[in-house]
Amino acid sequence: MSPLNLEVIEQTPHNLVFVIEGISIEMVNALRRIMLTEIPAMAIDEVIILKNDSPLYDEILAHRLGMIPLKTDLDAYKLPSDCECSGFGCPLCQVSLTLEMTNTTNAPIEIYSGNLNSNDPKIIPVDPNIPIVKIDKNDQVILEAYAILGIGRNHAKWQAVSNVAYRYYPIVEFNENDLNNPEENNLVVKMCPENLFELTSKNSLRLKEDYWKTCTLCQSCEKNTDNKIKVRAKENSYIFSIESDGVLPFNIVIKKTIEIFNEKIDEFITKLEELEIES
């Protein structure tokens, strides 16, 4: 297997796309599953509603609060199961967020995630404009919510990323001298669902330089040229995409993923050694 190599090809505040080489598909899938289900993230888990004049039942209001993504500080907080308080709630594993809103206007008002007040300025909603509920004139909503660390395996509200996907790195090869039929070339351009091909001034076929970014290995070009164009996946090379709602920075997500992956390998080795001793 070739040495591990990672190259970032696209990064925005909520999306990261990179090419990873020198890794098996089993390992790539393991990294994906860890990102989705094992990385801790902060979310509201308990809500005490003191007053709720809104049209929503208390349970629905609490559920909406729980699904608001919160910025997470993994260095400052512990999972309740790892905390000295055994999960009963302390400053090391729990954050308090309060909400007290009264409509003093003559029209309905919207309560947003930005109206939540946290006792830790680092643990706040990633977006202050997430709507929670509307209240009418003279109505009130007063509540206190408690956020803790959790993992996506237990509930989707604790997912550190919104979505993770990977696909094979595509390789498209052909000899221009074999593709000398203008009608055939034009058909390839029209039938490619990702518009990866274009015609030159001499009606010869040309592949765009960045075709690998969007090629889905559909093999449409192969079928329309009687295999004059060869499409294959590059061995042990994948295009990895992560979509985030901003709970954790991408560098923390990747770093934590590798840490958890190594911990699982160590645990597996330990259990294997225990089995050998018993046998």
Protein backbone atom coordinates (compact mmCIF):
# COMPACT_ATOMS: atom_id res chain seq x y z
CA MET A 1 0.00 0.00 0.00
CA SER A 2 1.32 3.49 -0.90
CA PRO A 3 2.11 6.09 1.82
CA LEU A 4 -0.86 7.99 3.24
CA ASN A 5 -1.40 11.34 1.55
CA LEU A 6 -4.11 13.97 2.11
CA GLU A 7 -4.76 17.01 -0.08
CA VAL A 8 -7.50 19.57 0.58
CA ILE A 9 -9.21 20.64 -2.65
CA GLU A 10 -12.09 22.72 -1.31
CA GLN A 11 -12.84 24.34 2.05
CA THR A 12 -15.62 26.66 3.18
CA PRO A 13 -16.94 27.34 6.71
CA HIS A 14 -19.40 24.44 6.34
CA ASN A 15 -17.81 22.12 3.75
CA LEU A 16 -14.50 20.34 3.41
CA VAL A 17 -13.44 18.22 0.44
CA PHE A 18 -10.10 16.44 0.29
CA VAL A 19 -8.38 13.62 -1.56
CA ILE A 20 -6.98 10.85 0.60
CA GLU A 21 -4.59 8.24 -0.84
CA GLY A 22 -2.82 5.17 0.48
CA ILE A 23 -5.75 3.90 2.54
CA SER A 24 -8.13 0.97 2.12
CA ILE A 25 -11.86 1.37 1.65
CA GLU A 26 -12.46 -0.36 4.98
CA MET A 27 -10.42 2.28 6.78
CA VAL A 28 -12.10 5.12 4.89
CA ASN A 29 -15.50 3.78 5.91
CA ALA A 30 -14.33 3.44 9.53
CA LEU A 31 -13.28 7.10 9.55
CA ARG A 32 -16.65 8.10 8.11
CA ARG A 33 -18.58 6.18 10.76
CA ILE A 34 -16.46 7.62 13.57
CA MET A 35 -17.10 11.17 12.34
CA LEU A 36 -20.85 10.55 12.26
CA THR A 37 -21.31 8.66 15.50
CA GLU A 38 -18.32 8.85 17.85
CA ILE A 39 -17.07 12.45 18.06
CA PRO A 40 -18.54 14.24 21.12
CA ALA A 41 -20.58 17.40 20.58
CA MET A 42 -22.61 19.65 22.86
CA ALA A 43 -26.43 19.70 22.73
CA ILE A 44 -29.32 20.55 25.02
CA ASP A 45 -30.45 17.40 26.81
CA GLU A 46 -32.71 18.66 29.61
CA VAL A 47 -35.19 21.56 29.67
CA ILE A 48 -37.06 23.01 32.63
CA ILE A 49 -40.01 25.05 31.35
CA LEU A 50 -41.29 27.54 33.90
CA LYS A 51 -43.79 29.22 31.59
CA ASN A 52 -44.88 28.47 28.06
CA ASP A 53 -47.65 30.56 26.51
CA SER A 54 -46.63 29.62 22.98
CA PRO A 55 -48.78 27.42 20.69
CA LEU A 56 -46.28 24.53 21.05
CA TYR A 57 -46.53 21.83 23.68
CA ASP A 58 -43.69 21.74 26.20
CA GLU A 59 -42.34 18.49 24.69
CA ILE A 60 -42.19 19.98 21.17
CA LEU A 61 -40.50 23.13 22.44
CA ALA A 62 -37.91 21.05 24.31
CA HIS A 63 -37.28 18.94 21.19
CA ARG A 64 -36.68 22.04 19.07
CA LEU A 65 -34.21 23.34 21.63
CA GLY A 66 -32.38 20.01 21.65
CA MET A 67 -31.85 20.11 17.88
CA ILE A 68 -30.16 23.55 17.92
CA PRO A 69 -26.45 22.98 17.12
CA LEU A 70 -24.16 24.44 19.78
CA LYS A 71 -20.52 25.40 19.43
CA THR A 72 -18.43 22.86 21.33
CA ASP A 73 -15.23 23.07 23.37
CA LEU A 74 -13.86 19.55 23.81
CA ASP A 75 -10.96 20.75 25.98
CA ALA A 76 -13.18 22.39 28.60
CA TYR A 77 -15.89 19.73 29.03
CA LYS A 78 -16.08 15.99 29.62
CA LEU A 79 -18.64 13.39 28.70
CA PRO A 80 -20.98 12.88 31.70
CA SER A 81 -19.84 9.26 31.92
CA ASP A 82 -16.21 10.42 32.30
CA CYS A 83 -16.90 13.24 34.74
CA GLU A 84 -16.15 13.07 38.48
CA CYS A 85 -19.78 13.97 39.21
CA SER A 86 -20.88 10.76 37.43
CA GLY A 87 -23.15 12.76 35.16
CA PHE A 88 -25.24 14.49 37.83
CA GLY A 89 -24.26 17.88 36.41
CA CYS A 90 -21.31 20.11 37.24
CA PRO A 91 -19.35 22.93 35.53
CA LEU A 92 -17.04 20.32 33.96
CA CYS A 93 -19.75 18.50 32.03
CA GLN A 94 -22.79 20.79 31.87
CA VAL A 95 -23.72 24.22 30.51
CA SER A 96 -26.80 26.18 31.46
CA LEU A 97 -28.77 28.20 28.91
CA THR A 98 -31.71 30.38 29.91
CA LEU A 99 -34.50 32.02 27.96
CA GLU A 100 -36.94 34.64 29.19
CA MET A 101 -39.05 36.38 26.57
CA THR A 102 -42.19 38.50 26.94
CA ASN A 103 -44.07 39.92 23.98
CA THR A 104 -44.83 43.56 24.80
CA THR A 105 -45.82 44.45 21.25
CA ASN A 106 -49.21 44.29 19.56
CA ALA A 107 -48.07 41.69 17.02
CA PRO A 108 -46.62 38.18 17.28
CA ILE A 109 -42.85 37.96 17.71
CA GLU A 110 -40.39 35.20 16.88
CA ILE A 111 -38.02 33.73 19.43
CA TYR A 112 -34.66 32.78 17.94
CA SER A 113 -31.68 30.71 19.07
CA GLY A 114 -29.80 33.97 19.64
CA ASN A 115 -32.19 34.74 22.52
CA LEU A 116 -30.69 31.88 24.53
CA ASN A 117 -28.29 33.11 27.22
CA SER A 118 -25.43 30.73 28.05
CA ASN A 119 -23.38 30.75 31.22
CA ASP A 120 -20.35 29.95 29.01
CA PRO A 121 -19.77 32.40 26.12
CA LYS A 122 -17.99 29.61 24.19
CA ILE A 123 -21.05 27.32 24.23
CA ILE A 124 -23.64 29.18 22.17
CA PRO A 125 -25.81 28.36 19.13
CA VAL A 126 -23.77 28.25 15.93
CA ASP A 127 -26.39 30.46 14.29
CA PRO A 128 -28.36 33.11 16.23
CA ASN A 129 -31.16 33.12 13.62
CA ILE A 130 -32.60 29.63 14.10
CA PRO A 131 -36.36 30.09 14.82
CA ILE A 132 -37.68 28.39 17.93
CA VAL A 133 -41.29 29.53 18.39
CA LYS A 134 -43.67 32.48 17.96
CA ILE A 135 -45.55 34.10 20.85
CA ASP A 136 -48.50 36.48 20.76
CA LYS A 137 -49.16 39.73 22.61
CA ASN A 138 -48.48 39.51 26.39
CA ASP A 139 -47.35 35.87 26.07
CA GLN A 140 -44.25 34.61 27.84
CA VAL A 141 -41.71 31.82 27.49
CA ILE A 142 -39.42 31.25 30.47
CA LEU A 143 -37.15 28.23 30.64
CA GLU A 144 -33.76 26.89 31.63
CA ALA A 145 -31.94 24.32 29.52
CA TYR A 146 -28.91 22.17 30.26
CA ALA A 147 -26.46 21.14 27.54
CA ILE A 148 -24.04 18.22 27.83
CA LEU A 149 -21.59 16.37 25.62
CA GLY A 150 -22.87 13.31 23.80
CA ILE A 151 -22.20 11.24 20.69
CA GLY A 152 -24.24 10.79 17.54
CA ARG A 153 -24.56 7.05 18.13
CA ASN A 154 -26.96 7.86 20.98
CA HIS A 155 -28.90 10.69 19.30
CA ALA A 156 -28.60 12.73 16.08
CA LYS A 157 -28.54 16.00 18.05
CA TRP A 158 -24.99 15.09 19.18
CA GLN A 159 -23.61 14.58 15.67
CA ALA A 160 -20.45 16.64 15.27
CA VAL A 161 -20.95 16.77 11.48
CA SER A 162 -24.08 16.98 9.33
CA ASN A 163 -22.97 14.53 6.67
CA VAL A 164 -19.89 12.60 5.54
CA ALA A 165 -19.42 10.90 2.18
CA TYR A 166 -16.63 9.46 0.08
CA ARG A 167 -16.26 8.20 -3.46
CA TYR A 168 -13.58 6.60 -5.58
CA TYR A 169 -11.04 8.86 -7.26
CA PRO A 170 -11.83 8.55 -11.01
CA ILE A 171 -9.36 8.00 -13.83
CA VAL A 172 -10.52 8.62 -17.42
CA GLU A 173 -8.12 7.69 -20.23
CA PHE A 174 -8.36 7.67 -24.02
CA ASN A 175 -6.32 8.10 -27.17
CA GLU A 176 -7.44 11.10 -29.21
CA ASN A 177 -6.46 9.33 -32.45
CA ASP A 178 -9.06 6.63 -31.74
CA LEU A 179 -11.83 9.22 -31.39
CA ASN A 180 -11.95 10.68 -34.91
CA ASN A 181 -15.70 10.48 -35.46
CA PRO A 182 -17.28 13.96 -34.89
CA GLU A 183 -20.76 12.50 -34.32
CA GLU A 184 -19.45 10.04 -31.75
CA ASN A 185 -17.50 12.79 -30.00
CA ASN A 186 -20.52 15.06 -29.92
CA LEU A 187 -22.60 12.23 -28.42
CA VAL A 188 -20.04 11.76 -25.63
CA VAL A 189 -20.21 15.48 -24.78
CA LYS A 190 -24.01 15.47 -24.71
CA MET A 191 -24.46 12.22 -22.79
CA CYS A 192 -21.96 12.89 -19.98
CA PRO A 193 -24.17 13.83 -16.98
CA GLU A 194 -21.39 15.89 -15.38
CA ASN A 195 -20.30 17.77 -18.54
CA LEU A 196 -16.73 16.53 -18.26
CA PHE A 197 -15.94 16.61 -21.99
CA GLU A 198 -15.74 19.39 -24.55
CA LEU A 199 -15.05 19.65 -28.28
CA THR A 200 -12.08 21.49 -29.71
CA SER A 201 -12.19 23.66 -32.80
CA LYS A 202 -11.30 20.56 -34.85
CA ASN A 203 -14.18 18.55 -33.29
CA SER A 204 -11.78 16.35 -31.38
CA LEU A 205 -12.67 15.29 -27.85
CA ARG A 206 -11.02 16.93 -24.84
CA LEU A 207 -11.38 16.08 -21.15
CA LYS A 208 -11.57 18.97 -18.71
CA GLU A 209 -8.60 19.19 -16.32
CA ASP A 210 -10.69 19.12 -13.15
CA TYR A 211 -12.96 16.30 -14.32
CA TRP A 212 -12.04 14.17 -11.29
CA LYS A 213 -13.77 16.60 -8.94
CA THR A 214 -17.24 15.67 -10.24
CA CYS A 215 -16.86 12.42 -12.21
CA THR A 216 -19.17 9.73 -10.77
CA LEU A 217 -17.68 6.78 -12.71
CA CYS A 218 -20.99 6.29 -14.52
CA GLN A 219 -19.08 4.95 -17.58
CA SER A 220 -21.45 6.69 -19.99
CA CYS A 221 -18.48 7.74 -22.13
CA GLU A 222 -17.26 4.14 -22.31
CA LYS A 223 -20.60 2.84 -23.51
CA ASN A 224 -20.99 5.54 -26.17
CA THR A 225 -17.55 4.93 -27.71
CA ASP A 226 -17.39 1.10 -27.69
CA ASN A 227 -14.81 1.23 -24.87
CA LYS A 228 -12.45 3.61 -26.68
CA ILE A 229 -12.59 5.62 -23.46
CA LYS A 230 -11.50 3.75 -20.34
CA VAL A 231 -12.95 4.70 -16.96
CA ARG A 232 -11.62 3.23 -13.73
CA ALA A 233 -11.15 4.01 -10.05
CA LYS A 234 -7.68 4.84 -8.78
CA GLU A 235 -6.57 2.18 -6.31
CA ASN A 236 -6.68 3.17 -2.61
CA SER A 237 -7.60 6.75 -3.47
CA TYR A 238 -10.83 8.51 -2.49
CA ILE A 239 -12.50 11.90 -2.53
CA PHE A 240 -13.80 12.62 0.96
CA SER A 241 -16.50 15.22 1.68
CA ILE A 242 -17.56 16.56 5.09
CA GLU A 243 -20.54 18.83 5.68
CA SER A 244 -20.65 20.62 9.03
CA ASP A 245 -23.11 22.89 10.82
CA GLY A 246 -20.23 24.60 12.64
CA VAL A 247 -20.31 22.69 15.93
CA LEU A 248 -16.57 21.94 15.67
CA PRO A 249 -13.81 23.24 13.35
CA PHE A 250 -12.75 20.77 10.66
CA ASN A 251 -9.22 20.41 12.06
CA ILE A 252 -10.66 19.33 15.42
CA VAL A 253 -13.05 16.89 13.71
CA ILE A 254 -10.21 15.18 11.83
CA LYS A 255 -7.85 15.19 14.81
CA LYS A 256 -10.49 13.69 17.11
CA THR A 257 -11.42 11.10 14.46
CA ILE A 258 -7.82 9.85 14.28
CA GLU A 259 -7.59 9.75 18.09
CA ILE A 260 -10.75 7.66 18.40
CA PHE A 261 -9.64 5.40 15.53
CA ASN A 262 -6.32 4.69 17.27
CA GLU A 263 -8.10 4.05 20.58
CA LYS A 264 -10.35 1.48 18.91
CA ILE A 265 -7.35 -0.27 17.36
CA ASP A 266 -5.61 -0.43 20.76
CA GLU A 267 -8.79 -1.78 22.36
CA PHE A 268 -9.11 -4.43 19.65
CA ILE A 269 -5.49 -5.53 20.12
CA THR A 270 -5.97 -5.76 23.89
CA LYS A 271 -9.06 -7.95 23.50
CA LEU A 272 -7.25 -10.21 21.04
CA GLU A 273 -4.41 -10.67 23.52
CA GLU A 274 -6.93 -11.51 26.25
CA LEU A 275 -8.49 -14.18 24.02
CA GLU A 276 -5.08 -15.73 23.34
CA ILE A 277 -4.38 -15.89 27.07
CA GLU A 278 -7.71 -17.57 27.78
CA SER A 279 -7.23 -20.13 25.02
